[in-house]
Amino acid sequence: MRIGVNVPNYGPGTEPEVLRRWARTVEALGYDLLTLSDHVVVTPDVEEQYPAPFYEPFTTLAWLAGVTERIRLGTSVVIVPYRHPLLLARMAANLNELSGGRLVLGVAVGWARQEFEALGVPFERRGALTDDHLRAVRAAWADEKDYRSGSIPIWVGGNSDMGIRRAVRLGDAWHPIHDLTLSGLRDAVGRMTALADRLERPVPALAPRIFLRLTDSPILGDDRRLGEGTIKQVLDDLEQLRLLGADTVVLDPFLGDPLETLHPQTAWSALATVADHWDLDPRP
């Protein structure tokens, strides 16, 4: 099982040099994957959680590819309806080639209604648009002479049954994000496996993105979210995810307060603690 890190590409403490240090830090610690989030317009509903500056993920990942050597680079997650599918296919294929085949394309339908309105994309059709766009992206990639996409894995986000269904039908992996408990994720994986059997489709890989919040004292209760608690609890979470069949787990040390971006050393320390206790075994 490989371990990645979701890096904040937004907020008051984010600037090019900080992003460079993030990339070099997580690569030096041995993590396998670095992911960035996606928003095109910082509308009021977006700004509440992800304030400006917000660095566009494809541009930023292309730049970070030049300051790293080994680590995979991904989106967690790109909002599919925001871009024409042929533009999305081209950007992803080019980034994958320029980075030496290191791209992971995490995708989702989106949630920010005001941002959809600003882009002129119908919010109510975001699910159908996502499905249509993903089919178009795969069709474009099939023309290797034009796109030379290589083998870019598509991780489909969305914690709902619709997200699971989309992952089974159109994705290489299911990428649930945040607010995950072990029991809830086990149940969801069971539903995904059953659905894949009914549709006679391969079962997608499991690639969850969980919080990383280390505490001095254990967090008790069945509603404890994966990745939160003492280092012992977090390590046990990772082991349980490995036993559940997770291919990759993405750790997200950003806990929701934009001011956290002013102090990345706190997140780096937590990531270093995990790295000290878990054999990351980065792959070339």
C-alpha atoms as a PDB file:
ATOM      1  CA  MET A   1       0.000   0.000   0.000  1.00  0.00           C
ATOM      2  CA  ARG A   2       1.321   3.409  -0.981  1.00  0.00           C
ATOM      3  CA  ILE A   3       0.845   6.618   0.994  1.00  0.00           C
ATOM      4  CA  GLY A   4       0.313  10.084  -0.458  1.00  0.00           C
ATOM      5  CA  VAL A   5      -0.211  13.616   0.832  1.00  0.00           C
ATOM      6  CA  ASN A   6      -2.804  16.208  -0.138  1.00  0.00           C
ATOM      7  CA  VAL A   7      -1.072  19.602  -0.232  1.00  0.00           C
ATOM      8  CA  PRO A   8      -2.999  22.886   0.218  1.00  0.00           C
ATOM      9  CA  ASN A   9      -2.683  24.901  -2.999  1.00  0.00           C
ATOM     10  CA  TYR A  10      -4.794  27.704  -1.516  1.00  0.00           C
ATOM     11  CA  GLY A  11      -4.963  29.970   1.499  1.00  0.00           C
ATOM     12  CA  PRO A  12      -3.091  32.967   2.904  1.00  0.00           C
ATOM     13  CA  GLY A  13       0.144  31.074   3.551  1.00  0.00           C
ATOM     14  CA  THR A  14       0.402  29.528   0.107  1.00  0.00           C
ATOM     15  CA  GLU A  15       2.880  30.917  -2.407  1.00  0.00           C
ATOM     16  CA  PRO A  16       5.279  29.379  -4.938  1.00  0.00           C
ATOM     17  CA  GLU A  17       8.173  28.896  -2.530  1.00  0.00           C
ATOM     18  CA  VAL A  18       5.906  27.238   0.042  1.00  0.00           C
ATOM     19  CA  LEU A  19       4.518  24.884  -2.615  1.00  0.00           C
ATOM     20  CA  ARG A  20       8.067  24.029  -3.670  1.00  0.00           C
ATOM     21  CA  ARG A  21       8.994  23.239  -0.052  1.00  0.00           C
ATOM     22  CA  TRP A  22       5.856  21.131   0.350  1.00  0.00           C
ATOM     23  CA  ALA A  23       6.753  19.070  -2.712  1.00  0.00           C
ATOM     24  CA  ARG A  24      10.372  18.554  -1.757  1.00  0.00           C
ATOM     25  CA  THR A  25       9.477  17.788   1.860  1.00  0.00           C
ATOM     26  CA  VAL A  26       6.920  15.076   1.137  1.00  0.00           C
ATOM     27  CA  GLU A  27       9.151  13.533  -1.533  1.00  0.00           C
ATOM     28  CA  ALA A  28      12.163  13.524   0.817  1.00  0.00           C
ATOM     29  CA  LEU A  29      10.077  11.868   3.552  1.00  0.00           C
ATOM     30  CA  GLY A  30       9.364   9.007   1.171  1.00  0.00           C
ATOM     31  CA  TYR A  31       5.718   9.619   0.314  1.00  0.00           C
ATOM     32  CA  ASP A  32       4.543   8.227  -3.006  1.00  0.00           C
ATOM     33  CA  LEU A  33       1.991  10.787  -4.183  1.00  0.00           C
ATOM     34  CA  LEU A  34       1.315  14.535  -3.933  1.00  0.00           C
ATOM     35  CA  THR A  35      -2.182  15.777  -4.745  1.00  0.00           C
ATOM     36  CA  LEU A  36      -3.737  19.219  -5.181  1.00  0.00           C
ATOM     37  CA  SER A  37      -7.327  20.429  -5.112  1.00  0.00           C
ATOM     38  CA  ASP A  38      -9.255  22.215  -7.859  1.00  0.00           C
ATOM     39  CA  HIS A  39     -11.302  25.381  -8.103  1.00  0.00           C
ATOM     40  CA  VAL A  40     -11.440  27.763 -11.050  1.00  0.00           C
ATOM     41  CA  VAL A  41     -13.380  30.693  -9.558  1.00  0.00           C
ATOM     42  CA  VAL A  42     -13.081  31.607  -5.873  1.00  0.00           C
ATOM     43  CA  THR A  43     -16.754  32.451  -5.398  1.00  0.00           C
ATOM     44  CA  PRO A  44     -18.070  33.188  -1.884  1.00  0.00           C
ATOM     45  CA  ASP A  45     -19.081  29.565  -1.269  1.00  0.00           C
ATOM     46  CA  VAL A  46     -15.593  28.411  -2.250  1.00  0.00           C
ATOM     47  CA  GLU A  47     -13.803  31.133  -0.287  1.00  0.00           C
ATOM     48  CA  GLU A  48     -15.352  30.018   3.000  1.00  0.00           C
ATOM     49  CA  GLN A  49     -13.254  26.860   2.848  1.00  0.00           C
ATOM     50  CA  TYR A  50     -10.563  27.504   0.245  1.00  0.00           C
ATOM     51  CA  PRO A  51      -9.653  31.201   0.144  1.00  0.00           C
ATOM     52  CA  ALA A  52      -7.399  32.890  -2.373  1.00  0.00           C
ATOM     53  CA  PRO A  53      -4.788  32.639  -3.590  1.00  0.00           C
ATOM     54  CA  PHE A  54      -5.880  29.394  -5.255  1.00  0.00           C
ATOM     55  CA  TYR A  55      -3.275  27.908  -7.575  1.00  0.00           C
ATOM     56  CA  GLU A  56      -4.757  26.065 -10.554  1.00  0.00           C
ATOM     57  CA  PRO A  57      -3.814  22.378 -10.174  1.00  0.00           C
ATOM     58  CA  PHE A  58      -2.621  21.451 -13.665  1.00  0.00           C
ATOM     59  CA  THR A  59      -0.370  24.500 -13.963  1.00  0.00           C
ATOM     60  CA  THR A  60       0.981  23.969 -10.462  1.00  0.00           C
ATOM     61  CA  LEU A  61       1.566  20.232 -10.881  1.00  0.00           C
ATOM     62  CA  ALA A  62       3.425  20.839 -14.147  1.00  0.00           C
ATOM     63  CA  TRP A  63       5.724  23.231 -12.292  1.00  0.00           C
ATOM     64  CA  LEU A  64       6.146  20.844  -9.354  1.00  0.00           C
ATOM     65  CA  ALA A  65       7.043  18.057 -11.769  1.00  0.00           C
ATOM     66  CA  GLY A  66      10.163  20.072 -12.563  1.00  0.00           C
ATOM     67  CA  VAL A  67      11.252  20.393  -8.927  1.00  0.00           C
ATOM     68  CA  THR A  68      10.659  16.728  -8.005  1.00  0.00           C
ATOM     69  CA  GLU A  69      12.000  13.477  -9.391  1.00  0.00           C
ATOM     70  CA  ARG A  70      10.072  10.473  -8.151  1.00  0.00           C
ATOM     71  CA  ILE A  71       6.798  11.352  -6.467  1.00  0.00           C
ATOM     72  CA  ARG A  72       3.532  10.816  -8.327  1.00  0.00           C
ATOM     73  CA  LEU A  73       1.440  13.929  -8.938  1.00  0.00           C
ATOM     74  CA  GLY A  74      -2.337  13.987  -8.753  1.00  0.00           C
ATOM     75  CA  THR A  75      -5.570  15.920  -8.470  1.00  0.00           C
ATOM     76  CA  SER A  76      -7.823  15.405  -5.479  1.00  0.00           C
ATOM     77  CA  VAL A  77     -10.028  16.235  -7.128  1.00  0.00           C
ATOM     78  CA  VAL A  78     -10.448  18.023 -10.449  1.00  0.00           C
ATOM     79  CA  ILE A  79     -14.057  19.106 -11.041  1.00  0.00           C
ATOM     80  CA  VAL A  80     -14.837  17.480 -14.365  1.00  0.00           C
ATOM     81  CA  PRO A  81     -17.700  19.716 -15.637  1.00  0.00           C
ATOM     82  CA  TYR A  82     -15.584  22.885 -15.292  1.00  0.00           C
ATOM     83  CA  ARG A  83     -13.530  22.153 -18.425  1.00  0.00           C
ATOM     84  CA  HIS A  84     -14.293  20.955 -21.931  1.00  0.00           C
ATOM     85  CA  PRO A  85     -13.488  17.226 -21.957  1.00  0.00           C
ATOM     86  CA  LEU A  86     -11.015  17.550 -24.819  1.00  0.00           C
ATOM     87  CA  LEU A  87      -9.188  20.290 -22.937  1.00  0.00           C
ATOM     88  CA  LEU A  88      -9.144  18.112 -19.813  1.00  0.00           C
ATOM     89  CA  ALA A  89      -7.862  15.165 -21.830  1.00  0.00           C
ATOM     90  CA  ARG A  90      -5.131  17.276 -23.443  1.00  0.00           C
ATOM     91  CA  MET A  91      -3.984  18.885 -20.196  1.00  0.00           C
ATOM     92  CA  ALA A  92      -3.837  15.569 -18.380  1.00  0.00           C
ATOM     93  CA  ALA A  93      -2.049  13.773 -21.213  1.00  0.00           C
ATOM     94  CA  ASN A  94       0.526  16.529 -21.590  1.00  0.00           C
ATOM     95  CA  LEU A  95       1.158  16.710 -17.848  1.00  0.00           C
ATOM     96  CA  ASN A  96       1.559  12.951 -17.679  1.00  0.00           C
ATOM     97  CA  GLU A  97       4.106  12.977 -20.511  1.00  0.00           C
ATOM     98  CA  LEU A  98       6.048  15.975 -19.190  1.00  0.00           C
ATOM     99  CA  SER A  99       6.272  14.428 -15.721  1.00  0.00           C
ATOM    100  CA  GLY A 100       7.484  11.062 -16.971  1.00  0.00           C
ATOM    101  CA  GLY A 101       4.196   9.223 -16.483  1.00  0.00           C
ATOM    102  CA  ARG A 102       3.576  10.341 -12.898  1.00  0.00           C
ATOM    103  CA  LEU A 103      -0.001  11.670 -13.137  1.00  0.00           C
ATOM    104  CA  VAL A 104      -3.005  10.387 -11.180  1.00  0.00           C
ATOM    105  CA  LEU A 105      -6.256  12.032 -12.293  1.00  0.00           C
ATOM    106  CA  GLY A 106      -8.664  12.275  -9.372  1.00  0.00           C
ATOM    107  CA  VAL A 107     -12.081  13.546 -10.462  1.00  0.00           C
ATOM    108  CA  ALA A 108     -15.451  14.512  -8.990  1.00  0.00           C
ATOM    109  CA  VAL A 109     -18.709  16.227  -9.886  1.00  0.00           C
ATOM    110  CA  GLY A 110     -18.263  19.349  -7.709  1.00  0.00           C
ATOM    111  CA  TRP A 111     -20.392  21.036  -5.065  1.00  0.00           C
ATOM    112  CA  ALA A 112     -19.976  24.848  -5.280  1.00  0.00           C
ATOM    113  CA  ARG A 113     -23.196  26.081  -6.878  1.00  0.00           C
ATOM    114  CA  GLN A 114     -21.988  29.701  -7.216  1.00  0.00           C
ATOM    115  CA  GLU A 115     -18.830  28.561  -8.984  1.00  0.00           C
ATOM    116  CA  PHE A 116     -20.908  26.563 -11.474  1.00  0.00           C
ATOM    117  CA  GLU A 117     -23.005  29.665 -12.112  1.00  0.00           C
ATOM    118  CA  ALA A 118     -19.902  31.812 -12.646  1.00  0.00           C
ATOM    119  CA  LEU A 119     -18.617  29.323 -15.232  1.00  0.00           C
ATOM    120  CA  GLY A 120     -21.968  29.000 -16.986  1.00  0.00           C
ATOM    121  CA  VAL A 121     -22.242  25.275 -16.228  1.00  0.00           C
ATOM    122  CA  PRO A 122     -25.652  23.913 -15.132  1.00  0.00           C
ATOM    123  CA  PHE A 123     -25.283  22.754 -11.538  1.00  0.00           C
ATOM    124  CA  GLU A 124     -28.236  20.354 -11.768  1.00  0.00           C
ATOM    125  CA  ARG A 125     -26.587  18.461 -14.644  1.00  0.00           C
ATOM    126  CA  ARG A 126     -23.162  18.080 -13.053  1.00  0.00           C
ATOM    127  CA  GLY A 127     -23.489  14.317 -12.566  1.00  0.00           C
ATOM    128  CA  ALA A 128     -24.544  13.595 -16.160  1.00  0.00           C
ATOM    129  CA  LEU A 129     -21.920  16.015 -17.483  1.00  0.00           C
ATOM    130  CA  THR A 130     -19.221  14.299 -15.459  1.00  0.00           C
ATOM    131  CA  ASP A 131     -20.155  10.904 -16.886  1.00  0.00           C
ATOM    132  CA  ASP A 132     -20.250  12.215 -20.462  1.00  0.00           C
ATOM    133  CA  HIS A 133     -16.949  14.075 -20.053  1.00  0.00           C
ATOM    134  CA  LEU A 134     -15.154  11.071 -18.592  1.00  0.00           C
ATOM    135  CA  ARG A 135     -16.248   8.926 -21.529  1.00  0.00           C
ATOM    136  CA  ALA A 136     -15.011  11.625 -23.906  1.00  0.00           C
ATOM    137  CA  VAL A 137     -11.665  11.855 -22.083  1.00  0.00           C
ATOM    138  CA  ARG A 138     -11.106   8.118 -22.371  1.00  0.00           C
ATOM    139  CA  ALA A 139     -12.085   8.195 -26.044  1.00  0.00           C
ATOM    140  CA  ALA A 140      -9.591  11.001 -26.686  1.00  0.00           C
ATOM    141  CA  TRP A 141      -6.850   9.116 -24.871  1.00  0.00           C
ATOM    142  CA  ALA A 142      -7.551   6.086 -27.035  1.00  0.00           C
ATOM    143  CA  ASP A 143      -6.049   8.084 -29.918  1.00  0.00           C
ATOM    144  CA  GLU A 144      -2.503   7.611 -28.653  1.00  0.00           C
ATOM    145  CA  LYS A 145      -0.983   9.229 -31.744  1.00  0.00           C
ATOM    146  CA  ASP A 146      -2.644  12.507 -30.863  1.00  0.00           C
ATOM    147  CA  TYR A 147      -2.710  12.440 -27.055  1.00  0.00           C
ATOM    148  CA  ARG A 148       0.048   9.989 -26.021  1.00  0.00           C
ATOM    149  CA  SER A 149      -1.598   9.749 -22.627  1.00  0.00           C
ATOM    150  CA  GLY A 150       0.103   6.586 -21.473  1.00  0.00           C
ATOM    151  CA  SER A 151      -1.764   4.836 -18.697  1.00  0.00           C
ATOM    152  CA  ILE A 152      -3.298   7.582 -16.552  1.00  0.00           C
ATOM    153  CA  PRO A 153      -5.366   6.165 -13.690  1.00  0.00           C
ATOM    154  CA  ILE A 154      -8.701   7.872 -13.063  1.00  0.00           C
ATOM    155  CA  TRP A 155      -9.728   7.998  -9.404  1.00  0.00           C
ATOM    156  CA  VAL A 156     -13.412   8.812  -8.997  1.00  0.00           C
ATOM    157  CA  GLY A 157     -14.331  10.778  -5.886  1.00  0.00           C
ATOM    158  CA  GLY A 158     -17.697  10.935  -4.183  1.00  0.00           C
ATOM    159  CA  ASN A 159     -18.670   9.212  -0.955  1.00  0.00           C
ATOM    160  CA  SER A 160     -22.278   8.543  -1.982  1.00  0.00           C
ATOM    161  CA  ASP A 161     -23.688   5.489  -3.722  1.00  0.00           C
ATOM    162  CA  MET A 162     -23.696   7.542  -6.942  1.00  0.00           C
ATOM    163  CA  GLY A 163     -19.970   8.156  -6.496  1.00  0.00           C
ATOM    164  CA  ILE A 164     -19.395   4.440  -5.975  1.00  0.00           C
ATOM    165  CA  ARG A 165     -21.440   3.609  -9.064  1.00  0.00           C
ATOM    166  CA  ARG A 166     -19.483   6.149 -11.127  1.00  0.00           C
ATOM    167  CA  ALA A 167     -16.214   4.638  -9.913  1.00  0.00           C
ATOM    168  CA  VAL A 168     -17.328   1.139 -10.919  1.00  0.00           C
ATOM    169  CA  ARG A 169     -18.532   2.225 -14.345  1.00  0.00           C
ATOM    170  CA  LEU A 170     -15.939   4.829 -15.292  1.00  0.00           C
ATOM    171  CA  GLY A 171     -12.978   4.741 -12.911  1.00  0.00           C
ATOM    172  CA  ASP A 172      -9.863   2.792 -12.075  1.00  0.00           C
ATOM    173  CA  ALA A 173     -10.196   3.526  -8.357  1.00  0.00           C
ATOM    174  CA  TRP A 174     -12.749   4.844  -5.883  1.00  0.00           C
ATOM    175  CA  HIS A 175     -11.435   7.893  -4.036  1.00  0.00           C
ATOM    176  CA  PRO A 176     -13.664   8.723  -1.046  1.00  0.00           C
ATOM    177  CA  ILE A 177     -12.638  11.871   0.801  1.00  0.00           C
ATOM    178  CA  HIS A 178     -12.771  12.839   4.518  1.00  0.00           C
ATOM    179  CA  ASP A 179     -15.335  12.018   7.208  1.00  0.00           C
ATOM    180  CA  LEU A 180     -14.583   8.321   6.857  1.00  0.00           C
ATOM    181  CA  THR A 181     -14.950   5.811   9.661  1.00  0.00           C
ATOM    182  CA  LEU A 182     -13.536   2.325   9.372  1.00  0.00           C
ATOM    183  CA  SER A 183     -16.916   0.621   9.712  1.00  0.00           C
ATOM    184  CA  GLY A 184     -18.540   2.969   7.216  1.00  0.00           C
ATOM    185  CA  LEU A 185     -15.781   2.447   4.684  1.00  0.00           C
ATOM    186  CA  ARG A 186     -15.961  -1.329   5.080  1.00  0.00           C
ATOM    187  CA  ASP A 187     -19.680  -1.230   4.359  1.00  0.00           C
ATOM    188  CA  ALA A 188     -19.116   0.976   1.312  1.00  0.00           C
ATOM    189  CA  VAL A 189     -16.428  -1.323  -0.074  1.00  0.00           C
ATOM    190  CA  GLY A 190     -18.853  -4.218   0.295  1.00  0.00           C
ATOM    191  CA  ARG A 191     -21.486  -2.305  -1.693  1.00  0.00           C
ATOM    192  CA  MET A 192     -18.924  -1.434  -4.342  1.00  0.00           C
ATOM    193  CA  THR A 193     -17.841  -5.044  -4.714  1.00  0.00           C
ATOM    194  CA  ALA A 194     -21.441  -6.232  -4.982  1.00  0.00           C
ATOM    195  CA  LEU A 195     -22.264  -3.575  -7.576  1.00  0.00           C
ATOM    196  CA  ALA A 196     -19.214  -4.458  -9.657  1.00  0.00           C
ATOM    197  CA  ASP A 197     -20.292  -8.100  -9.613  1.00  0.00           C
ATOM    198  CA  ARG A 198     -23.824  -7.205 -10.731  1.00  0.00           C
ATOM    199  CA  LEU A 199     -22.523  -5.025 -13.550  1.00  0.00           C
ATOM    200  CA  GLU A 200     -19.851  -7.600 -14.444  1.00  0.00           C
ATOM    201  CA  ARG A 201     -17.195  -4.932 -14.068  1.00  0.00           C
ATOM    202  CA  PRO A 202     -13.803  -5.076 -12.354  1.00  0.00           C
ATOM    203  CA  VAL A 203     -13.833  -3.889  -8.748  1.00  0.00           C
ATOM    204  CA  PRO A 204     -12.089  -0.486  -8.671  1.00  0.00           C
ATOM    205  CA  ALA A 205      -9.039  -0.051  -6.496  1.00  0.00           C
ATOM    206  CA  LEU A 206      -9.578   1.666  -3.153  1.00  0.00           C
ATOM    207  CA  ALA A 207      -7.736   4.972  -2.687  1.00  0.00           C
ATOM    208  CA  PRO A 208      -9.230   6.965   0.209  1.00  0.00           C
ATOM    209  CA  ARG A 209      -8.144  10.425   1.310  1.00  0.00           C
ATOM    210  CA  ILE A 210      -8.259  10.727   5.089  1.00  0.00           C
ATOM    211  CA  PHE A 211      -7.434  13.452   7.570  1.00  0.00           C
ATOM    212  CA  LEU A 212      -4.143  13.430   9.444  1.00  0.00           C
ATOM    213  CA  ARG A 213      -4.646  14.893  12.914  1.00  0.00           C
ATOM    214  CA  LEU A 214      -2.303  13.620  15.605  1.00  0.00           C
ATOM    215  CA  THR A 215      -3.351  13.960  19.238  1.00  0.00           C
ATOM    216  CA  ASP A 216      -1.572  13.259  22.511  1.00  0.00           C
ATOM    217  CA  SER A 217      -4.499  11.271  23.925  1.00  0.00           C
ATOM    218  CA  PRO A 218      -6.563   8.617  22.125  1.00  0.00           C
ATOM    219  CA  ILE A 219      -9.838   9.625  20.505  1.00  0.00           C
ATOM    220  CA  LEU A 220     -12.551   7.217  21.621  1.00  0.00           C
ATOM    221  CA  GLY A 221     -15.852   6.258  20.042  1.00  0.00           C
ATOM    222  CA  ASP A 222     -17.061   4.457  16.944  1.00  0.00           C
ATOM    223  CA  ASP A 223     -17.478   7.774  15.142  1.00  0.00           C
ATOM    224  CA  ARG A 224     -13.738   8.550  15.218  1.00  0.00           C
ATOM    225  CA  ARG A 225     -12.664   9.495  11.730  1.00  0.00           C
ATOM    226  CA  LEU A 226      -9.836   7.609  10.050  1.00  0.00           C
ATOM    227  CA  GLY A 227      -6.512   9.414  10.457  1.00  0.00           C
ATOM    228  CA  GLU A 228      -7.402  11.182  13.681  1.00  0.00           C
ATOM    229  CA  GLY A 229      -5.931  10.249  17.049  1.00  0.00           C
ATOM    230  CA  THR A 230      -2.609   9.197  18.490  1.00  0.00           C
ATOM    231  CA  ILE A 231       0.151   7.988  16.212  1.00  0.00           C
ATOM    232  CA  LYS A 232      -0.732   4.453  17.346  1.00  0.00           C
ATOM    233  CA  GLN A 233      -4.341   4.948  16.253  1.00  0.00           C
ATOM    234  CA  VAL A 234      -3.299   6.414  12.905  1.00  0.00           C
ATOM    235  CA  LEU A 235      -0.875   3.558  12.254  1.00  0.00           C
ATOM    236  CA  ASP A 236      -3.621   1.083  13.090  1.00  0.00           C
ATOM    237  CA  ASP A 237      -5.941   2.902  10.671  1.00  0.00           C
ATOM    238  CA  LEU A 238      -3.358   2.524   7.923  1.00  0.00           C
ATOM    239  CA  GLU A 239      -2.955  -1.169   8.705  1.00  0.00           C
ATOM    240  CA  GLN A 240      -6.719  -1.702   8.638  1.00  0.00           C
ATOM    241  CA  LEU A 241      -6.925   0.090   5.289  1.00  0.00           C
ATOM    242  CA  ARG A 242      -4.158  -2.124   3.972  1.00  0.00           C
ATOM    243  CA  LEU A 243      -6.083  -5.194   5.083  1.00  0.00           C
ATOM    244  CA  LEU A 244      -9.198  -3.762   3.436  1.00  0.00           C
ATOM    245  CA  GLY A 245      -7.277  -3.758   0.171  1.00  0.00           C
ATOM    246  CA  ALA A 246      -6.425  -0.082  -0.229  1.00  0.00           C
ATOM    247  CA  ASP A 247      -3.972   0.542  -3.055  1.00  0.00           C
ATOM    248  CA  THR A 248      -3.105   4.083  -1.921  1.00  0.00           C
ATOM    249  CA  VAL A 249      -4.088   6.187   1.084  1.00  0.00           C
ATOM    250  CA  VAL A 250      -3.792   9.968   0.824  1.00  0.00           C
ATOM    251  CA  LEU A 251      -3.181  11.826   4.089  1.00  0.00           C
ATOM    252  CA  ASP A 252      -4.644  15.321   4.388  1.00  0.00           C
ATOM    253  CA  PRO A 253      -3.025  17.332   7.213  1.00  0.00           C
ATOM    254  CA  PHE A 254      -5.150  20.437   6.433  1.00  0.00           C
ATOM    255  CA  LEU A 255      -7.996  20.387   8.958  1.00  0.00           C
ATOM    256  CA  GLY A 256     -10.163  23.234   7.717  1.00  0.00           C
ATOM    257  CA  ASP A 257      -8.813  26.515   9.103  1.00  0.00           C
ATOM    258  CA  PRO A 258      -7.218  28.562   6.263  1.00  0.00           C
ATOM    259  CA  LEU A 259      -4.776  30.068   8.796  1.00  0.00           C
ATOM    260  CA  GLU A 260      -3.156  26.631   9.029  1.00  0.00           C
ATOM    261  CA  THR A 261      -1.512  27.379   5.693  1.00  0.00           C
ATOM    262  CA  LEU A 262       0.599  30.035   7.431  1.00  0.00           C
ATOM    263  CA  HIS A 263       2.274  27.318   9.514  1.00  0.00           C
ATOM    264  CA  PRO A 264       3.066  24.346   7.235  1.00  0.00           C
ATOM    265  CA  GLN A 265       5.739  23.155   9.664  1.00  0.00           C
ATOM    266  CA  THR A 266       2.969  21.703  11.861  1.00  0.00           C
ATOM    267  CA  ALA A 267       1.762  19.515   9.020  1.00  0.00           C
ATOM    268  CA  TRP A 268       5.310  18.580   8.030  1.00  0.00           C
ATOM    269  CA  SER A 269       6.007  17.460  11.581  1.00  0.00           C
ATOM    270  CA  ALA A 270       2.933  15.215  11.611  1.00  0.00           C
ATOM    271  CA  LEU A 271       3.894  13.730   8.249  1.00  0.00           C
ATOM    272  CA  ALA A 272       7.446  13.132   9.489  1.00  0.00           C
ATOM    273  CA  THR A 273       6.054  11.308  12.523  1.00  0.00           C
ATOM    274  CA  VAL A 274       4.045   8.966  10.305  1.00  0.00           C
ATOM    275  CA  ALA A 275       7.074   8.447   8.058  1.00  0.00           C
ATOM    276  CA  ASP A 276       9.197   7.534  11.087  1.00  0.00           C
ATOM    277  CA  HIS A 277       6.744   4.794  12.103  1.00  0.00           C
ATOM    278  CA  TRP A 278       5.514   3.416   8.769  1.00  0.00           C
ATOM    279  CA  ASP A 279       7.611   1.841   6.028  1.00  0.00           C
ATOM    280  CA  LEU A 280       6.605   4.076   3.127  1.00  0.00           C
ATOM    281  CA  ASP A 281       8.565   1.997   0.609  1.00  0.00           C
ATOM    282  CA  PRO A 282       8.316   4.559  -2.234  1.00  0.00           C
ATOM    283  CA  ARG A 283       8.245   2.986  -5.669  1.00  0.00           C
ATOM    284  CA  PRO A 284      10.259   4.382  -8.604  1.00  0.00           C
END
